[in-house]
Amino acid sequence: MSHSPIDYDFPPLDAASPEGLLAIGGDLCPDRILSAYRKGIFPWFSGNQPILWWSPDPRAVLLPSKIRISRSLKKNIRNRGFRITTDQAFVDVVKECAKDREQQKGTWITKEMRDAYTALHSWGHAHSVETWQNGELVGGLYGISIGKAFFGESMFARVTDSSKTALVGLSTLLTNRGYHFIDCQVRSSHLDSLGAKCIPRNQFSKMLEKAILVPVAPHHWTHSKAGSELL
């Protein structure tokens, strides 16, 4: 389903705090979220906080064709009987990502956030990548696609390397479709191990501007591959 872009005002990116906090408040209507992503801004807040909008500097990005696959990950992808699909279980993936992680007190993926991204999924902008094992959903990720940019939101794993396998599947798909980058938002050792790099915010903004100018009609993704086919 195609929607004409609606532009919402946000402060200039250089007004963000050292931590990357740019704005507080507003709502999570799908058009506002898309407008934010087009500017390099994303919502991230806990259930007891107002809506917080972020634009960190530096920004973590992963070039799909440059994903780093370790020997142990290759072995698990080949031997664990994983199957990768897209947009087959979006709601379930978001719910799994939202579940409290061990030793965490809460989740930033509130019901309001889940509803907003589910609406974006119905519009063809939000997508999930699922990892299946013996017919069971054991890992996955979800994010937003605009033009030739993919904005990763969250991932989960129920067995070793199942979320990494989903990211490998996503990277393969995006490479084949000519996507410019995956926005990983903020650095983590997990993403570092897969080849993500931190770049200055102004460089990210230039990359983003080019990527979103490529016309890509929003649509649901239909993709299914055995894990061994990814290598």
C-alpha atoms as a PDB file:
ATOM      1  CA  MET A   1       0.000   0.000   0.000  1.00  0.00           C
ATOM      2  CA  SER A   2       1.553   3.285  -1.118  1.00  0.00           C
ATOM      3  CA  HIS A   3       1.399   6.470   0.944  1.00  0.00           C
ATOM      4  CA  SER A   4       2.590   9.924  -0.058  1.00  0.00           C
ATOM      5  CA  PRO A   5       5.350  11.031   2.342  1.00  0.00           C
ATOM      6  CA  ILE A   6       4.357  13.529   5.026  1.00  0.00           C
ATOM      7  CA  ASP A   7       7.132  15.693   6.451  1.00  0.00           C
ATOM      8  CA  TYR A   8       7.211  16.421  10.183  1.00  0.00           C
ATOM      9  CA  ASP A   9       9.427  19.068  11.721  1.00  0.00           C
ATOM     10  CA  PHE A  10      12.292  17.985  13.971  1.00  0.00           C
ATOM     11  CA  PRO A  11      15.145  20.055  15.399  1.00  0.00           C
ATOM     12  CA  PRO A  12      18.361  20.151  13.347  1.00  0.00           C
ATOM     13  CA  LEU A  13      20.529  17.104  13.996  1.00  0.00           C
ATOM     14  CA  ASP A  14      23.388  19.135  15.441  1.00  0.00           C
ATOM     15  CA  ALA A  15      21.037  20.192  18.263  1.00  0.00           C
ATOM     16  CA  ALA A  16      21.197  16.661  19.701  1.00  0.00           C
ATOM     17  CA  SER A  17      22.773  16.093  23.098  1.00  0.00           C
ATOM     18  CA  PRO A  18      26.190  14.391  23.304  1.00  0.00           C
ATOM     19  CA  GLU A  19      24.312  11.115  23.828  1.00  0.00           C
ATOM     20  CA  GLY A  20      22.231  11.735  20.696  1.00  0.00           C
ATOM     21  CA  LEU A  21      18.902  12.803  22.235  1.00  0.00           C
ATOM     22  CA  LEU A  22      17.280  15.232  19.816  1.00  0.00           C
ATOM     23  CA  ALA A  23      13.616  15.693  20.784  1.00  0.00           C
ATOM     24  CA  ILE A  24      11.012  14.686  23.351  1.00  0.00           C
ATOM     25  CA  GLY A  25       7.292  14.176  22.783  1.00  0.00           C
ATOM     26  CA  GLY A  26       5.039  13.945  19.763  1.00  0.00           C
ATOM     27  CA  ASP A  27       3.390  10.674  18.837  1.00  0.00           C
ATOM     28  CA  LEU A  28       4.161   7.420  17.063  1.00  0.00           C
ATOM     29  CA  CYS A  29       1.870   7.768  14.073  1.00  0.00           C
ATOM     30  CA  PRO A  30       3.402   5.860  11.144  1.00  0.00           C
ATOM     31  CA  ASP A  31       3.922   8.977   9.025  1.00  0.00           C
ATOM     32  CA  ARG A  32       5.872  10.704  11.808  1.00  0.00           C
ATOM     33  CA  ILE A  33       8.092   7.646  12.239  1.00  0.00           C
ATOM     34  CA  LEU A  34       8.817   7.492   8.499  1.00  0.00           C
ATOM     35  CA  SER A  35       9.550  11.219   8.436  1.00  0.00           C
ATOM     36  CA  ALA A  36      11.974  10.758  11.326  1.00  0.00           C
ATOM     37  CA  TYR A  37      13.805   7.891   9.634  1.00  0.00           C
ATOM     38  CA  ARG A  38      14.188   9.904   6.444  1.00  0.00           C
ATOM     39  CA  LYS A  39      16.043  12.505   8.530  1.00  0.00           C
ATOM     40  CA  GLY A  40      18.210   9.973  10.369  1.00  0.00           C
ATOM     41  CA  ILE A  41      16.145  10.070  13.586  1.00  0.00           C
ATOM     42  CA  PHE A  42      14.566   7.159  15.448  1.00  0.00           C
ATOM     43  CA  PRO A  43      12.356   6.687  18.544  1.00  0.00           C
ATOM     44  CA  TRP A  44      13.812   4.868  21.552  1.00  0.00           C
ATOM     45  CA  PHE A  45      12.364   5.048  25.048  1.00  0.00           C
ATOM     46  CA  SER A  46      11.170   2.917  27.951  1.00  0.00           C
ATOM     47  CA  GLY A  47       7.544   2.461  28.940  1.00  0.00           C
ATOM     48  CA  ASN A  48       7.808   4.921  31.826  1.00  0.00           C
ATOM     49  CA  GLN A  49       9.313   7.676  29.658  1.00  0.00           C
ATOM     50  CA  PRO A  50       7.893  10.147  27.141  1.00  0.00           C
ATOM     51  CA  ILE A  51       8.659   9.468  23.489  1.00  0.00           C
ATOM     52  CA  LEU A  52      12.359  10.176  22.922  1.00  0.00           C
ATOM     53  CA  TRP A  53      13.836  10.807  19.475  1.00  0.00           C
ATOM     54  CA  TRP A  54      17.516  10.113  18.823  1.00  0.00           C
ATOM     55  CA  SER A  55      20.217  10.882  16.273  1.00  0.00           C
ATOM     56  CA  PRO A  56      23.514   9.601  17.704  1.00  0.00           C
ATOM     57  CA  ASP A  57      26.961  10.676  16.582  1.00  0.00           C
ATOM     58  CA  PRO A  58      28.722   8.500  15.543  1.00  0.00           C
ATOM     59  CA  ARG A  59      26.266   6.170  13.831  1.00  0.00           C
ATOM     60  CA  ALA A  60      26.699   2.398  13.489  1.00  0.00           C
ATOM     61  CA  VAL A  61      26.151   1.058   9.977  1.00  0.00           C
ATOM     62  CA  LEU A  62      26.682  -2.256   8.219  1.00  0.00           C
ATOM     63  CA  LEU A  63      27.264  -2.565   4.497  1.00  0.00           C
ATOM     64  CA  PRO A  64      25.261  -5.644   3.456  1.00  0.00           C
ATOM     65  CA  SER A  65      27.977  -7.010   1.172  1.00  0.00           C
ATOM     66  CA  LYS A  66      30.621  -6.578   3.890  1.00  0.00           C
ATOM     67  CA  ILE A  67      29.012  -8.630   6.655  1.00  0.00           C
ATOM     68  CA  ARG A  68      31.614 -10.646   8.532  1.00  0.00           C
ATOM     69  CA  ILE A  69      30.780 -14.339   8.929  1.00  0.00           C
ATOM     70  CA  SER A  70      33.066 -16.191  11.334  1.00  0.00           C
ATOM     71  CA  ARG A  71      34.019 -19.836  10.876  1.00  0.00           C
ATOM     72  CA  SER A  72      31.855 -20.899  13.802  1.00  0.00           C
ATOM     73  CA  LEU A  73      28.872 -18.968  12.423  1.00  0.00           C
ATOM     74  CA  LYS A  74      29.339 -20.540   8.986  1.00  0.00           C
ATOM     75  CA  LYS A  75      29.412 -23.962  10.606  1.00  0.00           C
ATOM     76  CA  ASN A  76      26.192 -23.322  12.529  1.00  0.00           C
ATOM     77  CA  ILE A  77      24.412 -21.895   9.487  1.00  0.00           C
ATOM     78  CA  ARG A  78      25.356 -24.993   7.486  1.00  0.00           C
ATOM     79  CA  ASN A  79      24.659 -27.623  10.108  1.00  0.00           C
ATOM     80  CA  ARG A  80      21.731 -26.470  12.251  1.00  0.00           C
ATOM     81  CA  GLY A  81      18.983 -26.874   9.700  1.00  0.00           C
ATOM     82  CA  PHE A  82      17.990 -23.201   9.715  1.00  0.00           C
ATOM     83  CA  ARG A  83      15.540 -21.783   7.176  1.00  0.00           C
ATOM     84  CA  ILE A  84      15.281 -18.034   6.588  1.00  0.00           C
ATOM     85  CA  THR A  85      12.055 -16.300   5.541  1.00  0.00           C
ATOM     86  CA  THR A  86      10.849 -12.716   5.305  1.00  0.00           C
ATOM     87  CA  ASP A  87       7.567 -11.157   6.412  1.00  0.00           C
ATOM     88  CA  GLN A  88       6.109 -14.527   7.395  1.00  0.00           C
ATOM     89  CA  ALA A  89       5.768 -13.851  11.135  1.00  0.00           C
ATOM     90  CA  PHE A  90       6.222 -10.103  11.653  1.00  0.00           C
ATOM     91  CA  VAL A  91       4.012  -9.807  14.735  1.00  0.00           C
ATOM     92  CA  ASP A  92       5.641 -12.829  16.363  1.00  0.00           C
ATOM     93  CA  VAL A  93       9.146 -11.494  15.717  1.00  0.00           C
ATOM     94  CA  VAL A  94       8.303  -8.128  17.278  1.00  0.00           C
ATOM     95  CA  LYS A  95       6.739  -9.846  20.286  1.00  0.00           C
ATOM     96  CA  GLU A  96       9.812 -12.017  20.770  1.00  0.00           C
ATOM     97  CA  CYS A  97      12.083  -8.983  20.528  1.00  0.00           C
ATOM     98  CA  ALA A  98       9.923  -7.223  23.109  1.00  0.00           C
ATOM     99  CA  LYS A  99      10.146  -9.987  25.696  1.00  0.00           C
ATOM    100  CA  ASP A 100      12.208  -9.021  28.685  1.00  0.00           C
ATOM    101  CA  ARG A 101      15.764 -10.235  28.274  1.00  0.00           C
ATOM    102  CA  GLU A 102      17.365 -12.063  31.145  1.00  0.00           C
ATOM    103  CA  GLN A 103      18.462  -9.622  33.878  1.00  0.00           C
ATOM    104  CA  GLN A 104      16.627  -6.742  32.195  1.00  0.00           C
ATOM    105  CA  LYS A 105      13.871  -4.897  34.028  1.00  0.00           C
ATOM    106  CA  GLY A 106      11.862  -3.898  30.999  1.00  0.00           C
ATOM    107  CA  THR A 107      11.741  -3.379  27.262  1.00  0.00           C
ATOM    108  CA  TRP A 108      11.729  -0.306  25.053  1.00  0.00           C
ATOM    109  CA  ILE A 109       9.405  -2.082  22.592  1.00  0.00           C
ATOM    110  CA  THR A 110       6.185  -0.932  24.235  1.00  0.00           C
ATOM    111  CA  LYS A 111       2.683  -1.787  23.034  1.00  0.00           C
ATOM    112  CA  GLU A 112       2.539   1.658  21.434  1.00  0.00           C
ATOM    113  CA  MET A 113       5.740   0.891  19.529  1.00  0.00           C
ATOM    114  CA  ARG A 114       4.518  -2.562  18.513  1.00  0.00           C
ATOM    115  CA  ASP A 115       1.258  -1.115  17.185  1.00  0.00           C
ATOM    116  CA  ALA A 116       3.102   1.580  15.221  1.00  0.00           C
ATOM    117  CA  TYR A 117       5.515  -0.824  13.555  1.00  0.00           C
ATOM    118  CA  THR A 118       2.739  -3.306  12.820  1.00  0.00           C
ATOM    119  CA  ALA A 119       0.939  -0.496  10.979  1.00  0.00           C
ATOM    120  CA  LEU A 120       4.133   0.233   9.052  1.00  0.00           C
ATOM    121  CA  HIS A 121       4.332  -3.461   8.190  1.00  0.00           C
ATOM    122  CA  SER A 122       0.825  -3.293   6.718  1.00  0.00           C
ATOM    123  CA  TRP A 123       2.029  -0.339   4.618  1.00  0.00           C
ATOM    124  CA  GLY A 124       4.961  -2.395   3.298  1.00  0.00           C
ATOM    125  CA  HIS A 125       7.658  -0.370   5.081  1.00  0.00           C
ATOM    126  CA  ALA A 126       8.407  -2.570   8.101  1.00  0.00           C
ATOM    127  CA  HIS A 127       9.813  -6.030   7.504  1.00  0.00           C
ATOM    128  CA  SER A 128      10.809  -9.084   9.482  1.00  0.00           C
ATOM    129  CA  VAL A 129      13.392 -11.759   8.838  1.00  0.00           C
ATOM    130  CA  GLU A 130      12.696 -15.090  10.521  1.00  0.00           C
ATOM    131  CA  THR A 131      14.999 -17.978  11.394  1.00  0.00           C
ATOM    132  CA  TRP A 132      13.204 -21.333  11.651  1.00  0.00           C
ATOM    133  CA  GLN A 133      14.469 -24.653  12.957  1.00  0.00           C
ATOM    134  CA  ASN A 134      12.319 -27.772  12.650  1.00  0.00           C
ATOM    135  CA  GLY A 135       9.311 -25.544  11.958  1.00  0.00           C
ATOM    136  CA  GLU A 136       9.837 -23.446  15.099  1.00  0.00           C
ATOM    137  CA  LEU A 137      10.622 -19.718  15.132  1.00  0.00           C
ATOM    138  CA  VAL A 138      13.995 -19.561  16.894  1.00  0.00           C
ATOM    139  CA  GLY A 139      15.352 -16.164  15.886  1.00  0.00           C
ATOM    140  CA  GLY A 140      14.747 -13.087  13.825  1.00  0.00           C
ATOM    141  CA  LEU A 141      14.901  -9.354  13.396  1.00  0.00           C
ATOM    142  CA  TYR A 142      12.763  -6.505  12.127  1.00  0.00           C
ATOM    143  CA  GLY A 143      13.264  -3.019  10.762  1.00  0.00           C
ATOM    144  CA  ILE A 144      12.186  -0.327   8.334  1.00  0.00           C
ATOM    145  CA  SER A 145      12.922  -0.041   4.619  1.00  0.00           C
ATOM    146  CA  ILE A 146      12.893   3.302   2.791  1.00  0.00           C
ATOM    147  CA  GLY A 147      14.402   3.576  -0.671  1.00  0.00           C
ATOM    148  CA  LYS A 148      17.647   1.605  -0.586  1.00  0.00           C
ATOM    149  CA  ALA A 149      18.212   2.023   3.161  1.00  0.00           C
ATOM    150  CA  PHE A 150      17.279  -0.528   5.818  1.00  0.00           C
ATOM    151  CA  PHE A 151      16.965   0.580   9.433  1.00  0.00           C
ATOM    152  CA  GLY A 152      17.452  -2.295  11.856  1.00  0.00           C
ATOM    153  CA  GLU A 153      15.348  -2.116  15.003  1.00  0.00           C
ATOM    154  CA  SER A 154      15.801  -5.242  17.096  1.00  0.00           C
ATOM    155  CA  MET A 155      16.648  -8.933  16.948  1.00  0.00           C
ATOM    156  CA  PHE A 156      16.179 -11.982  19.130  1.00  0.00           C
ATOM    157  CA  ALA A 157      17.648 -15.461  19.424  1.00  0.00           C
ATOM    158  CA  ARG A 158      16.296 -18.571  21.088  1.00  0.00           C
ATOM    159  CA  VAL A 159      19.162 -20.811  19.938  1.00  0.00           C
ATOM    160  CA  THR A 160      22.817 -20.026  19.294  1.00  0.00           C
ATOM    161  CA  ASP A 161      23.464 -17.873  16.209  1.00  0.00           C
ATOM    162  CA  SER A 162      19.814 -17.783  15.100  1.00  0.00           C
ATOM    163  CA  SER A 163      19.670 -13.965  15.139  1.00  0.00           C
ATOM    164  CA  LYS A 164      23.033 -13.717  13.389  1.00  0.00           C
ATOM    165  CA  THR A 165      21.727 -16.103  10.739  1.00  0.00           C
ATOM    166  CA  ALA A 166      18.732 -13.804  10.228  1.00  0.00           C
ATOM    167  CA  LEU A 167      21.120 -10.879   9.739  1.00  0.00           C
ATOM    168  CA  VAL A 168      23.154 -12.876   7.226  1.00  0.00           C
ATOM    169  CA  GLY A 169      19.913 -13.653   5.396  1.00  0.00           C
ATOM    170  CA  LEU A 170      18.930  -9.983   5.424  1.00  0.00           C
ATOM    171  CA  SER A 171      22.364  -8.929   4.179  1.00  0.00           C
ATOM    172  CA  THR A 172      22.200 -11.418   1.317  1.00  0.00           C
ATOM    173  CA  LEU A 173      18.762 -10.162   0.302  1.00  0.00           C
ATOM    174  CA  LEU A 174      19.749  -6.491   0.531  1.00  0.00           C
ATOM    175  CA  THR A 175      22.979  -7.044  -1.396  1.00  0.00           C
ATOM    176  CA  ASN A 176      21.052  -8.692  -4.219  1.00  0.00           C
ATOM    177  CA  ARG A 177      18.601  -5.780  -4.258  1.00  0.00           C
ATOM    178  CA  GLY A 178      21.266  -3.077  -4.292  1.00  0.00           C
ATOM    179  CA  TYR A 179      20.656  -1.617  -0.844  1.00  0.00           C
ATOM    180  CA  HIS A 180      23.272   0.874   0.313  1.00  0.00           C
ATOM    181  CA  PHE A 181      23.470   0.072   4.025  1.00  0.00           C
ATOM    182  CA  ILE A 182      21.830  -1.273   7.169  1.00  0.00           C
ATOM    183  CA  ASP A 183      21.467   1.376   9.872  1.00  0.00           C
ATOM    184  CA  CYS A 184      22.415  -0.304  13.156  1.00  0.00           C
ATOM    185  CA  GLN A 185      21.821   2.935  15.101  1.00  0.00           C
ATOM    186  CA  VAL A 186      24.240   2.487  18.009  1.00  0.00           C
ATOM    187  CA  ARG A 187      27.416   0.471  18.395  1.00  0.00           C
ATOM    188  CA  SER A 188      27.502  -2.885  20.175  1.00  0.00           C
ATOM    189  CA  SER A 189      30.120  -5.623  20.440  1.00  0.00           C
ATOM    190  CA  HIS A 190      27.594  -8.002  18.849  1.00  0.00           C
ATOM    191  CA  LEU A 191      27.318  -5.803  15.754  1.00  0.00           C
ATOM    192  CA  ASP A 192      31.066  -5.108  15.728  1.00  0.00           C
ATOM    193  CA  SER A 193      31.687  -8.846  15.405  1.00  0.00           C
ATOM    194  CA  LEU A 194      29.535  -8.886  12.269  1.00  0.00           C
ATOM    195  CA  GLY A 195      31.356  -6.023  10.584  1.00  0.00           C
ATOM    196  CA  ALA A 196      29.376  -2.940  11.595  1.00  0.00           C
ATOM    197  CA  LYS A 197      31.343   0.323  11.568  1.00  0.00           C
ATOM    198  CA  CYS A 198      30.781   3.667  13.277  1.00  0.00           C
ATOM    199  CA  ILE A 199      30.758   6.729  11.031  1.00  0.00           C
ATOM    200  CA  PRO A 200      30.232  10.447  11.764  1.00  0.00           C
ATOM    201  CA  ARG A 201      26.617  11.590  11.759  1.00  0.00           C
ATOM    202  CA  ASN A 202      27.170  14.032   8.896  1.00  0.00           C
ATOM    203  CA  GLN A 203      28.594  11.220   6.753  1.00  0.00           C
ATOM    204  CA  PHE A 204      25.613   9.037   7.633  1.00  0.00           C
ATOM    205  CA  SER A 205      23.241  11.850   6.642  1.00  0.00           C
ATOM    206  CA  LYS A 206      24.852  12.076   3.200  1.00  0.00           C
ATOM    207  CA  MET A 207      24.608   8.305   2.722  1.00  0.00           C
ATOM    208  CA  LEU A 208      20.987   8.372   3.840  1.00  0.00           C
ATOM    209  CA  GLU A 209      20.061  11.210   1.507  1.00  0.00           C
ATOM    210  CA  LYS A 210      21.328   9.230  -1.485  1.00  0.00           C
ATOM    211  CA  ALA A 211      19.737   5.955  -0.406  1.00  0.00           C
ATOM    212  CA  ILE A 212      16.223   7.255   0.168  1.00  0.00           C
ATOM    213  CA  LEU A 213      16.153   9.050  -3.175  1.00  0.00           C
ATOM    214  CA  VAL A 214      16.099   5.696  -4.978  1.00  0.00           C
ATOM    215  CA  PRO A 215      12.426   5.013  -5.765  1.00  0.00           C
ATOM    216  CA  VAL A 216      11.297   1.708  -4.265  1.00  0.00           C
ATOM    217  CA  ALA A 217       7.568   1.046  -3.892  1.00  0.00           C
ATOM    218  CA  PRO A 218       6.715  -0.289  -0.407  1.00  0.00           C
ATOM    219  CA  HIS A 219       5.721  -3.935  -0.581  1.00  0.00           C
ATOM    220  CA  HIS A 220       5.784  -7.144   1.425  1.00  0.00           C
ATOM    221  CA  TRP A 221       8.863  -9.278   0.995  1.00  0.00           C
ATOM    222  CA  THR A 222       8.535 -12.922  -0.047  1.00  0.00           C
ATOM    223  CA  HIS A 223      11.781 -14.740   0.547  1.00  0.00           C
ATOM    224  CA  SER A 224      12.671 -18.233   1.739  1.00  0.00           C
ATOM    225  CA  LYS A 225      16.034 -19.980   1.769  1.00  0.00           C
ATOM    226  CA  ALA A 226      17.743 -22.794   3.597  1.00  0.00           C
ATOM    227  CA  GLY A 227      20.534 -21.487   5.796  1.00  0.00           C
ATOM    228  CA  SER A 228      23.104 -23.413   3.771  1.00  0.00           C
ATOM    229  CA  GLU A 229      22.055 -21.450   0.660  1.00  0.00           C
ATOM    230  CA  LEU A 230      23.218 -18.196   2.266  1.00  0.00           C
ATOM    231  CA  LEU A 231      26.897 -19.149   2.106  1.00  0.00           C
END
